[in-house]
């Protein structure tokens, strides 16, 4: 299999007012960026070598009291110094979130409660954001300076998306979720991100003026199933205790749009071919391509498309 680059995304959820609709943080990408300009995405980005630096091991083990390293997976079994991807990809998500919107998911060294997710307050935050953006190794220095560490235990694995082979650069992107104690206003970096918004799930799904990449569409529809933070909290703990099967989408173009077919769809096994480098094209329309068991996103009348999500499994 061609090289897959590691990446991480962090879905931040909170109750704006206790008992009311779940709020989700999304970022509007700048129009000047080459990749997905103007799209609304969750915070995140590429994994960097700094995220698996051996010094994280000593820092995390120092603060994770009463937790054996092999239980939480800090260390890769194949090496005495290598930090596991389960940890380094969470560090990536936290670092990228800090860079893009200024929310720092860290805990003070004396804070024993890992269940509460808050924005860790530091002085000269904007200066540190620029430092970390320019050099990811500065994230380690930040934690040393302010006696804190990334709250990796507050991040739960929610899903795993792998870029199809039809694209020249492929990513293995872990989607994590964390539930914050309260809505925390972020600030766009004005480099890649132009706007930071906390809104309801329905706001993002139903707003026709918002462009959402397919993984965001899918994950927001999944979040729509939860009525409150309590039910979501229970679900993410259960999901994280089991390994998330990766999604490698199949992109199929029809006469009236595009279908993104996901594992579990009755047509997935028939059409999946890891060696395929071109898109699939069919003379059928979307309705004619439907089946009895569907797990897919349907885009009609592209590029000004409406999106339907079909989950029958």
Protein backbone atom coordinates (compact mmCIF):
# COMPACT_ATOMS: atom_id res chain seq x y z
CA UNK A 1 0.00 0.00 0.00
CA UNK A 2 1.34 3.50 -0.84
CA UNK A 3 2.46 5.63 2.06
CA UNK A 4 -0.29 7.03 4.24
CA UNK A 5 0.46 10.27 6.08
CA UNK A 6 -0.86 10.51 9.62
CA UNK A 7 -3.23 13.34 10.50
CA UNK A 8 -5.58 14.17 13.36
CA UNK A 9 -8.85 16.03 13.75
CA UNK A 10 -10.51 17.13 16.98
CA UNK A 11 -14.26 17.55 17.38
CA UNK A 12 -14.96 19.81 20.35
CA UNK A 13 -18.47 19.58 21.80
CA UNK A 14 -20.13 21.50 24.62
CA UNK A 15 -23.51 22.51 26.02
CA UNK A 16 -24.00 26.23 25.54
CA UNK A 17 -26.65 26.24 28.26
CA UNK A 18 -27.16 23.19 30.45
CA UNK A 19 -29.70 20.80 28.98
CA UNK A 20 -29.89 22.54 25.62
CA UNK A 21 -28.59 21.58 22.19
CA UNK A 22 -25.04 20.35 21.80
CA UNK A 23 -22.71 22.95 20.33
CA UNK A 24 -19.88 21.96 18.00
CA UNK A 25 -16.77 23.97 17.13
CA UNK A 26 -16.01 24.41 13.42
CA UNK A 27 -13.45 26.53 11.62
CA UNK A 28 -13.86 28.28 8.28
CA UNK A 29 -10.75 27.87 6.18
CA UNK A 30 -9.30 30.89 4.41
CA UNK A 31 -10.13 31.51 0.76
CA UNK A 32 -6.41 31.79 -0.04
CA UNK A 33 -5.43 28.26 1.01
CA UNK A 34 -4.94 25.67 -1.72
CA UNK A 35 -6.63 22.80 0.11
CA UNK A 36 -10.40 23.14 0.67
CA UNK A 37 -10.67 26.96 0.61
CA UNK A 38 -13.70 28.36 2.47
CA UNK A 39 -14.63 24.92 3.83
CA UNK A 40 -15.92 24.48 7.37
CA UNK A 41 -13.83 21.86 9.15
CA UNK A 42 -13.01 20.66 12.63
CA UNK A 43 -9.61 21.70 14.01
CA UNK A 44 -6.74 19.46 13.02
CA UNK A 45 -3.86 18.86 10.68
CA UNK A 46 -0.80 16.83 9.79
CA UNK A 47 1.15 14.72 12.22
CA UNK A 48 4.69 16.02 12.84
CA UNK A 49 7.81 14.31 14.13
CA UNK A 50 7.66 16.66 17.13
CA UNK A 51 4.44 14.95 18.22
CA UNK A 52 6.29 11.69 18.87
CA UNK A 53 9.46 13.15 20.36
CA UNK A 54 10.77 10.90 23.18
CA UNK A 55 10.62 13.83 25.61
CA UNK A 56 6.84 13.55 25.58
CA UNK A 57 7.24 10.18 27.25
CA UNK A 58 8.98 11.61 30.30
CA UNK A 59 6.61 14.56 30.47
CA UNK A 60 3.45 12.47 30.26
CA UNK A 61 4.67 9.70 32.56
CA UNK A 62 5.66 12.32 35.13
CA UNK A 63 2.13 13.73 35.25
CA UNK A 64 -0.03 10.66 34.62
CA UNK A 65 0.15 9.49 38.22
CA UNK A 66 -0.96 5.95 39.12
CA UNK A 67 -1.28 4.95 35.48
CA UNK A 68 1.11 2.37 34.06
CA UNK A 69 2.48 3.36 30.70
CA UNK A 70 1.75 0.07 29.03
CA UNK A 71 -1.92 0.29 30.04
CA UNK A 72 -2.58 3.68 28.44
CA UNK A 73 -0.36 2.88 25.46
CA UNK A 74 2.29 5.55 25.84
CA UNK A 75 5.00 3.27 24.54
CA UNK A 76 5.11 1.40 21.26
CA UNK A 77 5.79 -2.25 22.10
CA UNK A 78 8.31 -2.48 19.28
CA UNK A 79 10.59 0.13 20.83
CA UNK A 80 11.75 1.30 24.23
CA UNK A 81 11.60 4.97 23.28
CA UNK A 82 8.92 5.26 20.60
CA UNK A 83 5.64 6.81 21.70
CA UNK A 84 2.61 4.98 20.34
CA UNK A 85 0.50 6.50 17.58
CA UNK A 86 -2.45 6.40 19.99
CA UNK A 87 -0.67 9.10 21.98
CA UNK A 88 1.19 11.04 19.28
CA UNK A 89 -1.91 11.48 17.12
CA UNK A 90 -3.73 12.93 20.13
CA UNK A 91 -0.85 15.35 20.66
CA UNK A 92 -1.18 16.30 16.99
CA UNK A 93 -4.88 17.06 17.45
CA UNK A 94 -4.26 19.20 20.54
CA UNK A 95 -1.33 21.06 18.98
CA UNK A 96 -3.18 21.80 15.75
CA UNK A 97 -6.28 22.98 17.64
CA UNK A 98 -4.12 25.41 19.61
CA UNK A 99 -2.45 26.71 16.44
CA UNK A 100 -5.67 27.17 14.48
CA UNK A 101 -8.08 28.57 17.05
CA UNK A 102 -6.11 29.22 20.25
CA UNK A 103 -7.90 26.68 22.45
CA UNK A 104 -5.29 24.82 24.50
CA UNK A 105 -6.47 21.40 25.70
CA UNK A 106 -3.88 20.96 28.45
CA UNK A 107 -3.83 20.32 32.19
CA UNK A 108 -1.62 21.76 34.91
CA UNK A 109 0.83 19.29 36.41
CA UNK A 110 -1.11 19.34 39.73
CA UNK A 111 -4.53 18.86 38.13
CA UNK A 112 -5.64 15.31 38.87
CA UNK A 113 -8.96 15.49 37.01
CA UNK A 114 -8.60 14.43 33.39
CA UNK A 115 -12.34 14.32 32.73
CA UNK A 116 -12.77 18.08 32.65
CA UNK A 117 -11.75 19.61 29.33
CA UNK A 118 -10.98 23.31 29.55
CA UNK A 119 -8.92 25.88 27.71
CA UNK A 120 -5.65 26.13 29.63
CA UNK A 121 -4.83 29.78 30.20
CA UNK A 122 -1.29 30.94 29.51
CA UNK A 123 0.31 34.36 29.13
CA UNK A 124 1.30 35.57 25.67
CA UNK A 125 -0.95 32.98 24.08
CA UNK A 126 -0.85 34.51 20.61
CA UNK A 127 2.95 34.65 20.68
CA UNK A 128 3.07 30.98 21.60
CA UNK A 129 0.59 30.12 18.85
CA UNK A 130 2.92 31.65 16.29
CA UNK A 131 5.90 29.86 17.80
CA UNK A 132 4.16 26.49 17.64
CA UNK A 133 2.88 27.16 14.14
CA UNK A 134 6.39 27.93 12.93
CA UNK A 135 8.02 25.09 14.84
CA UNK A 136 5.91 22.24 16.31
CA UNK A 137 8.75 21.36 18.69
CA UNK A 138 7.84 24.58 20.53
CA UNK A 139 4.75 22.81 21.85
CA UNK A 140 7.02 20.81 24.15
CA UNK A 141 8.67 24.02 25.31
CA UNK A 142 5.25 25.54 25.97
CA UNK A 143 4.31 22.63 28.22
CA UNK A 144 7.59 22.82 30.09
CA UNK A 145 7.33 26.60 30.52
CA UNK A 146 3.78 26.56 31.87
CA UNK A 147 4.06 23.25 33.78
CA UNK A 148 1.28 21.60 31.84
CA UNK A 149 0.79 18.67 29.52
CA UNK A 150 -1.63 17.73 26.70
CA UNK A 151 -4.86 16.28 28.08
CA UNK A 152 -4.65 13.20 25.87
CA UNK A 153 -6.90 11.18 28.19
CA UNK A 154 -9.73 13.60 27.49
CA UNK A 155 -9.69 12.78 23.76
CA UNK A 156 -11.72 9.81 22.57
CA UNK A 157 -11.33 8.13 19.20
CA UNK A 158 -14.52 8.79 17.22
CA UNK A 159 -13.70 7.61 13.69
CA UNK A 160 -10.88 6.95 11.23
CA UNK A 161 -10.91 8.20 7.62
CA UNK A 162 -8.40 7.15 4.97
CA UNK A 163 -8.07 9.10 1.71
CA UNK A 164 -8.99 7.04 -1.39
CA UNK A 165 -6.18 6.14 -3.76
CA UNK A 166 -7.59 8.38 -6.50
CA UNK A 167 -5.94 11.31 -4.69
CA UNK A 168 -2.18 11.90 -5.07
CA UNK A 169 -1.53 12.35 -1.34
CA UNK A 170 -3.30 10.09 1.11
CA UNK A 171 -3.94 10.51 4.82
CA UNK A 172 -4.82 8.21 7.66
CA UNK A 173 -6.80 10.72 9.71
CA UNK A 174 -7.96 9.95 13.23
CA UNK A 175 -11.05 11.87 14.33
CA UNK A 176 -11.05 12.45 18.08
CA UNK A 177 -13.79 14.00 20.18
CA UNK A 178 -13.58 15.88 23.48
CA UNK A 179 -16.37 17.35 25.55
CA UNK A 180 -15.61 20.73 27.06
CA UNK A 181 -17.05 21.97 30.32
CA UNK A 182 -18.34 25.04 28.54
CA UNK A 183 -18.23 26.83 25.21
CA UNK A 184 -14.84 28.51 24.93
CA UNK A 185 -14.45 31.24 22.35
CA UNK A 186 -11.53 30.70 20.04
CA UNK A 187 -9.68 33.07 17.77
CA UNK A 188 -8.78 32.38 14.13
CA UNK A 189 -5.08 32.29 13.28
CA UNK A 190 -5.78 34.39 10.15
CA UNK A 191 -3.36 32.17 8.25
CA UNK A 192 -5.27 29.02 7.37
CA UNK A 193 -8.39 29.88 9.38
CA UNK A 194 -10.59 32.97 9.00
CA UNK A 195 -13.50 32.21 11.31
CA UNK A 196 -14.21 30.22 14.48
CA UNK A 197 -17.81 29.23 15.24
CA UNK A 198 -19.65 27.32 17.94
CA UNK A 199 -23.02 26.28 16.54
CA UNK A 200 -25.57 23.50 16.79
CA UNK A 201 -25.15 20.41 14.64
CA UNK A 202 -28.28 21.34 12.67
CA UNK A 203 -26.89 24.78 11.92
CA UNK A 204 -23.93 23.30 10.09
CA UNK A 205 -25.92 20.57 8.35
CA UNK A 206 -28.86 22.69 7.21
CA UNK A 207 -27.04 25.90 6.27
CA UNK A 208 -26.79 25.79 2.46
CA UNK A 209 -24.19 28.56 2.43
CA UNK A 210 -21.68 26.36 4.28
CA UNK A 211 -19.37 23.99 2.43
CA UNK A 212 -18.57 20.85 4.45
CA UNK A 213 -16.13 18.20 3.22
CA UNK A 214 -17.62 14.66 3.21
CA UNK A 215 -16.09 13.48 6.53
CA UNK A 216 -17.52 16.54 8.28
CA UNK A 217 -20.94 15.88 6.73
CA UNK A 218 -20.88 12.30 7.95
CA UNK A 219 -19.61 13.03 11.46
CA UNK A 220 -22.09 15.86 12.00
CA UNK A 221 -24.94 13.57 10.97
CA UNK A 222 -23.64 11.01 13.43
CA UNK A 223 -23.59 13.68 16.16
CA UNK A 224 -27.16 14.61 15.26
CA UNK A 225 -28.32 11.35 16.84
CA UNK A 226 -27.46 12.59 20.35
CA UNK A 227 -29.97 14.71 22.21
CA UNK A 228 -27.59 15.96 24.89
CA UNK A 229 -24.03 15.88 26.14
CA UNK A 230 -24.78 13.06 28.58
CA UNK A 231 -25.81 10.56 25.89
CA UNK A 232 -22.87 11.61 23.72
CA UNK A 233 -20.45 11.17 26.63
CA UNK A 234 -21.65 7.63 27.24
CA UNK A 235 -21.33 6.75 23.56
CA UNK A 236 -17.80 8.05 23.03
CA UNK A 237 -16.43 6.12 26.01
CA UNK A 238 -17.89 2.90 24.59
CA UNK A 239 -16.59 3.62 21.08
CA UNK A 240 -13.09 4.46 22.28
CA UNK A 241 -12.88 1.17 24.17
CA UNK A 242 -13.18 -0.56 20.80
CA UNK A 243 -10.98 -0.03 17.79
CA UNK A 244 -12.58 2.12 15.08
CA UNK A 245 -12.60 0.39 11.71
CA UNK A 246 -11.17 2.76 9.09
CA UNK A 247 -13.31 4.21 6.33
CA UNK A 248 -11.78 4.16 2.85
CA UNK A 249 -14.51 5.85 0.77
CA UNK A 250 -15.34 4.87 -2.80
CA UNK A 251 -16.15 7.85 -5.05
CA UNK A 252 -18.63 6.98 -7.80
CA UNK A 253 -19.97 9.55 -10.28
CA UNK A 254 -23.50 9.11 -11.64
CA UNK A 255 -25.45 10.93 -14.33
CA UNK A 256 -26.83 13.39 -11.76
CA UNK A 257 -24.14 13.67 -9.10
CA UNK A 258 -21.69 11.71 -6.97
CA UNK A 259 -21.97 8.97 -4.37
CA UNK A 260 -19.44 8.34 -1.62
CA UNK A 261 -19.85 4.69 -0.69
CA UNK A 262 -18.67 3.55 2.75
CA UNK A 263 -17.95 0.14 4.31
CA UNK A 264 -21.16 -1.72 5.13
CA UNK A 265 -22.95 -0.54 2.00
CA UNK A 266 -24.11 -3.53 -0.08
CA UNK A 267 -22.12 -2.26 -3.08
CA UNK A 268 -18.90 -1.53 -1.19
CA UNK A 269 -17.22 -4.94 -1.39
CA UNK A 270 -18.19 -5.28 -5.04
CA UNK A 271 -16.64 -1.93 -6.01
CA UNK A 272 -13.71 -1.63 -3.63
CA UNK A 273 -10.33 -1.96 -5.32
CA UNK A 274 -7.30 -0.65 -3.44
CA UNK A 275 -5.27 -0.52 -6.67
CA UNK A 276 -7.74 1.73 -8.52
CA UNK A 277 -6.37 5.19 -9.28
CA UNK A 278 -9.34 6.56 -11.21
CA UNK A 279 -12.87 7.48 -10.24
CA UNK A 280 -15.84 5.27 -11.04
CA UNK A 281 -18.36 6.57 -13.58
CA UNK A 282 -21.84 5.13 -14.14
CA UNK A 283 -24.68 5.94 -16.49
CA UNK A 284 -27.19 5.38 -13.69
CA UNK A 285 -28.70 8.21 -11.72
CA UNK A 286 -28.43 8.27 -7.94
CA UNK A 287 -31.86 6.72 -7.35
CA UNK A 288 -31.15 3.86 -9.75
CA UNK A 289 -27.89 3.14 -7.94
CA UNK A 290 -29.56 2.64 -4.57
CA UNK A 291 -29.87 -0.73 -2.87
CA UNK A 292 -31.43 -2.37 0.18
CA UNK A 293 -28.48 -1.77 2.53
CA UNK A 294 -26.92 1.65 2.11
CA UNK A 295 -24.10 3.45 3.88
CA UNK A 296 -23.26 6.42 1.71
CA UNK A 297 -23.30 10.15 1.02
CA UNK A 298 -25.20 11.32 -2.05
CA UNK A 299 -24.36 14.58 -3.78
CA UNK A 300 -26.83 15.78 -6.40
CA UNK A 301 -26.40 18.38 -9.16
CA UNK A 302 -22.74 19.07 -8.52
CA UNK A 303 -21.02 21.44 -7.93
CA UNK A 304 -24.01 23.29 -6.41
CA UNK A 305 -25.10 20.11 -4.72
CA UNK A 306 -27.49 19.04 -2.05
CA UNK A 307 -26.34 16.22 0.18
CA UNK A 308 -28.22 13.18 1.48
CA UNK A 309 -26.80 10.65 3.88
CA UNK A 310 -28.14 7.11 3.74
CA UNK A 311 -27.36 4.76 6.61
CA UNK A 312 -29.36 1.53 6.54
CA UNK A 313 -26.90 -0.74 8.32
